[in-house]
Amino acid sequence: MRIVCAVLRAYTIVVFARVALEWVPVGDTHPVGRVRHFLRLVTQPLLGPLRALIPPIRLGSVAVDLSPLILILGLNLLAQVLC
């Protein structure tokens, strides 16, 4: 059970890192861009279906994607139940 808890916590950190690196304006060939690309590959299997279910919230000319927040809340809830 400790392994499951560690994986849930680590995945939460990976989602946070992806959200933070999405704001860094570098190309995919830059080292930060390569890390961002890897984080996209790792998080997309869970974020993709959430994005299909939860459309972005429009705030004027800006759209806010809440799927990472929902995923982090779900992971934390699951960790509290299991750990």
N, C-alpha and C. Protein backbone atom coordinates (compact mmCIF):
# COMPACT_ATOMS: atom_id res chain seq x y z
N MET A 1 0.83 -1.20 0.00
CA MET A 1 0.00 0.00 0.00
C MET A 1 0.87 1.26 0.00
N ARG A 2 2.05 1.17 0.61
CA ARG A 2 2.94 2.33 0.65
C ARG A 2 3.39 2.72 -0.75
N ILE A 3 3.54 1.73 -1.62
CA ILE A 3 3.96 2.02 -2.99
C ILE A 3 2.88 2.79 -3.72
N VAL A 4 1.63 2.38 -3.53
CA VAL A 4 0.51 3.08 -4.17
C VAL A 4 0.46 4.52 -3.69
N CYS A 5 0.63 4.73 -2.41
CA CYS A 5 0.60 6.08 -1.86
C CYS A 5 1.74 6.93 -2.42
N ALA A 6 2.92 6.34 -2.54
CA ALA A 6 4.06 7.06 -3.09
C ALA A 6 3.83 7.41 -4.56
N VAL A 7 3.24 6.50 -5.31
CA VAL A 7 2.96 6.77 -6.72
C VAL A 7 1.93 7.89 -6.86
N LEU A 8 0.90 7.87 -6.03
CA LEU A 8 -0.11 8.93 -6.08
C LEU A 8 0.51 10.30 -5.77
N ARG A 9 1.35 10.35 -4.76
CA ARG A 9 2.01 11.62 -4.40
C ARG A 9 2.95 12.08 -5.52
N ALA A 10 3.71 11.14 -6.07
CA ALA A 10 4.64 11.49 -7.15
C ALA A 10 3.89 11.99 -8.37
N TYR A 11 2.78 11.34 -8.71
CA TYR A 11 2.01 11.76 -9.89
C TYR A 11 1.41 13.15 -9.67
N THR A 12 1.02 13.44 -8.44
CA THR A 12 0.52 14.78 -8.12
C THR A 12 1.61 15.82 -8.38
N ILE A 13 2.83 15.53 -7.98
CA ILE A 13 3.94 16.45 -8.21
C ILE A 13 4.21 16.60 -9.70
N VAL A 14 4.09 15.51 -10.45
CA VAL A 14 4.29 15.57 -11.90
C VAL A 14 3.24 16.46 -12.56
N VAL A 15 2.00 16.37 -12.11
CA VAL A 15 0.94 17.23 -12.66
C VAL A 15 1.23 18.69 -12.33
N PHE A 16 1.64 18.97 -11.09
CA PHE A 16 2.03 20.34 -10.73
C PHE A 16 3.16 20.84 -11.61
N ALA A 17 4.16 20.01 -11.83
CA ALA A 17 5.29 20.40 -12.66
C ALA A 17 4.85 20.69 -14.09
N ARG A 18 3.95 19.89 -14.62
CA ARG A 18 3.47 20.13 -15.98
C ARG A 18 2.76 21.48 -16.06
N VAL A 19 1.91 21.75 -15.09
CA VAL A 19 1.19 23.03 -15.10
C VAL A 19 2.18 24.19 -15.05
N ALA A 20 3.19 24.08 -14.20
CA ALA A 20 4.17 25.17 -14.07
C ALA A 20 4.97 25.33 -15.36
N LEU A 21 5.40 24.23 -15.97
CA LEU A 21 6.24 24.33 -17.17
C LEU A 21 5.45 24.73 -18.41
N GLU A 22 4.14 24.57 -18.40
CA GLU A 22 3.34 25.02 -19.54
C GLU A 22 3.42 26.54 -19.71
N TRP A 23 3.79 27.24 -18.65
CA TRP A 23 3.90 28.70 -18.71
C TRP A 23 5.26 29.18 -19.19
N VAL A 24 6.21 28.28 -19.35
CA VAL A 24 7.56 28.66 -19.78
C VAL A 24 7.61 28.66 -21.30
N PRO A 25 7.86 29.83 -21.91
CA PRO A 25 7.81 29.94 -23.37
C PRO A 25 9.13 29.53 -24.05
N VAL A 26 9.38 28.22 -24.13
CA VAL A 26 10.56 27.72 -24.83
C VAL A 26 10.12 26.65 -25.82
N GLY A 27 10.95 26.41 -26.81
CA GLY A 27 10.65 25.40 -27.81
C GLY A 27 10.88 23.99 -27.28
N ASP A 28 10.42 23.01 -28.05
CA ASP A 28 10.55 21.61 -27.62
C ASP A 28 11.98 21.10 -27.68
N THR A 29 12.89 21.81 -28.36
CA THR A 29 14.28 21.37 -28.42
C THR A 29 15.10 21.88 -27.22
N HIS A 30 14.57 22.87 -26.51
CA HIS A 30 15.22 23.39 -25.31
C HIS A 30 15.12 22.34 -24.21
N PRO A 31 16.10 22.26 -23.31
CA PRO A 31 16.04 21.26 -22.23
C PRO A 31 14.75 21.33 -21.40
N VAL A 32 14.29 22.54 -21.11
CA VAL A 32 13.02 22.68 -20.38
C VAL A 32 11.86 22.18 -21.24
N GLY A 33 11.94 22.45 -22.53
CA GLY A 33 10.92 21.96 -23.44
C GLY A 33 10.88 20.45 -23.52
N ARG A 34 12.03 19.82 -23.42
CA ARG A 34 12.08 18.35 -23.42
C ARG A 34 11.45 17.77 -22.16
N VAL A 35 11.73 18.40 -21.03
CA VAL A 35 11.10 17.95 -19.77
C VAL A 35 9.60 18.14 -19.87
N ARG A 36 9.17 19.29 -20.39
CA ARG A 36 7.74 19.56 -20.55
C ARG A 36 7.09 18.52 -21.45
N HIS A 37 7.77 18.16 -22.54
CA HIS A 37 7.23 17.15 -23.45
C HIS A 37 7.08 15.81 -22.74
N PHE A 38 8.07 15.42 -21.94
CA PHE A 38 7.98 14.17 -21.17
C PHE A 38 6.80 14.23 -20.19
N LEU A 39 6.65 15.36 -19.50
CA LEU A 39 5.54 15.49 -18.55
C LEU A 39 4.19 15.42 -19.25
N ARG A 40 4.12 15.96 -20.45
CA ARG A 40 2.88 15.84 -21.23
C ARG A 40 2.57 14.38 -21.54
N LEU A 41 3.59 13.63 -21.94
CA LEU A 41 3.40 12.21 -22.25
C LEU A 41 2.90 11.44 -21.02
N VAL A 42 3.43 11.78 -19.87
CA VAL A 42 3.09 11.05 -18.65
C VAL A 42 1.69 11.42 -18.13
N THR A 43 1.32 12.69 -18.26
CA THR A 43 0.05 13.15 -17.67
C THR A 43 -1.12 13.12 -18.64
N GLN A 44 -0.86 13.08 -19.92
CA GLN A 44 -1.95 13.15 -20.89
C GLN A 44 -2.97 12.00 -20.78
N PRO A 45 -2.56 10.77 -20.43
CA PRO A 45 -3.57 9.70 -20.31
C PRO A 45 -4.68 10.00 -19.31
N LEU A 46 -4.40 10.76 -18.26
CA LEU A 46 -5.46 11.12 -17.32
C LEU A 46 -6.05 12.50 -17.59
N LEU A 47 -5.23 13.43 -18.04
CA LEU A 47 -5.76 14.77 -18.30
C LEU A 47 -6.61 14.83 -19.57
N GLY A 48 -6.28 14.02 -20.56
CA GLY A 48 -7.03 14.03 -21.82
C GLY A 48 -8.51 13.74 -21.63
N PRO A 49 -8.88 12.63 -20.98
CA PRO A 49 -10.30 12.37 -20.76
C PRO A 49 -10.99 13.42 -19.88
N LEU A 50 -10.25 13.95 -18.90
CA LEU A 50 -10.84 15.01 -18.07
C LEU A 50 -11.13 16.27 -18.90
N ARG A 51 -10.22 16.59 -19.80
CA ARG A 51 -10.44 17.76 -20.66
C ARG A 51 -11.64 17.56 -21.58
N ALA A 52 -11.88 16.32 -21.97
CA ALA A 52 -13.05 16.04 -22.81
C ALA A 52 -14.35 16.21 -22.02
N LEU A 53 -14.30 15.93 -20.72
CA LEU A 53 -15.50 16.05 -19.88
C LEU A 53 -15.71 17.45 -19.34
N ILE A 54 -14.63 18.16 -19.04
CA ILE A 54 -14.71 19.48 -18.41
C ILE A 54 -14.18 20.53 -19.38
N PRO A 55 -15.06 21.29 -20.00
CA PRO A 55 -14.58 22.31 -20.93
C PRO A 55 -13.89 23.46 -20.17
N PRO A 56 -12.98 24.17 -20.84
CA PRO A 56 -12.34 25.32 -20.19
C PRO A 56 -13.36 26.40 -19.84
N ILE A 57 -13.12 27.09 -18.76
CA ILE A 57 -13.98 28.19 -18.34
C ILE A 57 -13.50 29.46 -19.02
N ARG A 58 -14.41 30.15 -19.69
CA ARG A 58 -14.05 31.40 -20.38
C ARG A 58 -14.12 32.56 -19.40
N LEU A 59 -13.03 33.31 -19.33
CA LEU A 59 -12.96 34.53 -18.53
C LEU A 59 -12.54 35.66 -19.47
N GLY A 60 -13.50 36.25 -20.13
CA GLY A 60 -13.20 37.25 -21.13
C GLY A 60 -12.55 36.60 -22.33
N SER A 61 -11.34 37.02 -22.66
CA SER A 61 -10.64 36.45 -23.82
C SER A 61 -9.71 35.30 -23.42
N VAL A 62 -9.77 34.89 -22.15
CA VAL A 62 -8.89 33.84 -21.65
C VAL A 62 -9.72 32.62 -21.27
N ALA A 63 -9.20 31.43 -21.58
CA ALA A 63 -9.85 30.19 -21.17
C ALA A 63 -9.00 29.53 -20.09
N VAL A 64 -9.62 29.15 -18.99
CA VAL A 64 -8.92 28.52 -17.88
C VAL A 64 -9.25 27.04 -17.88
N ASP A 65 -8.21 26.22 -17.97
CA ASP A 65 -8.36 24.77 -17.97
C ASP A 65 -8.32 24.27 -16.53
N LEU A 66 -9.43 23.73 -16.07
CA LEU A 66 -9.51 23.26 -14.69
C LEU A 66 -9.19 21.77 -14.54
N SER A 67 -8.90 21.09 -15.64
CA SER A 67 -8.67 19.65 -15.55
C SER A 67 -7.47 19.28 -14.67
N PRO A 68 -6.35 20.01 -14.68
CA PRO A 68 -5.27 19.66 -13.74
C PRO A 68 -5.70 19.80 -12.28
N LEU A 69 -6.47 20.83 -11.98
CA LEU A 69 -6.95 21.02 -10.61
C LEU A 69 -7.86 19.87 -10.19
N ILE A 70 -8.77 19.47 -11.06
CA ILE A 70 -9.67 18.37 -10.77
C ILE A 70 -8.87 17.07 -10.58
N LEU A 71 -7.87 16.86 -11.42
CA LEU A 71 -7.05 15.66 -11.31
C LEU A 71 -6.28 15.65 -9.99
N ILE A 72 -5.69 16.77 -9.61
CA ILE A 72 -4.95 16.85 -8.35
C ILE A 72 -5.88 16.61 -7.17
N LEU A 73 -7.06 17.20 -7.20
CA LEU A 73 -8.02 16.96 -6.12
C LEU A 73 -8.42 15.49 -6.05
N GLY A 74 -8.64 14.88 -7.20
CA GLY A 74 -8.99 13.46 -7.24
C GLY A 74 -7.86 12.57 -6.72
N LEU A 75 -6.64 12.89 -7.10
CA LEU A 75 -5.49 12.11 -6.62
C LEU A 75 -5.33 12.25 -5.11
N ASN A 76 -5.51 13.46 -4.61
CA ASN A 76 -5.41 13.67 -3.16
C ASN A 76 -6.52 12.96 -2.40
N LEU A 77 -7.73 12.98 -2.95
CA LEU A 77 -8.84 12.27 -2.33
C LEU A 77 -8.57 10.77 -2.31
N LEU A 78 -8.11 10.25 -3.42
CA LEU A 78 -7.78 8.82 -3.50
C LEU A 78 -6.67 8.46 -2.51
N ALA A 79 -5.66 9.34 -2.40
CA ALA A 79 -4.56 9.08 -1.46
C ALA A 79 -5.07 9.09 -0.01
N GLN A 80 -6.00 9.97 0.31
CA GLN A 80 -6.53 10.00 1.67
C GLN A 80 -7.34 8.76 1.99
N VAL A 81 -8.04 8.25 1.00
CA VAL A 81 -8.85 7.05 1.23
C VAL A 81 -7.96 5.82 1.37
N LEU A 82 -6.93 5.72 0.52
CA LEU A 82 -6.08 4.53 0.51
C LEU A 82 -4.94 4.56 1.52
N CYS A 83 -4.46 5.73 1.84
CA CYS A 83 -3.24 5.80 2.66
C CYS A 83 -3.58 6.01 4.10
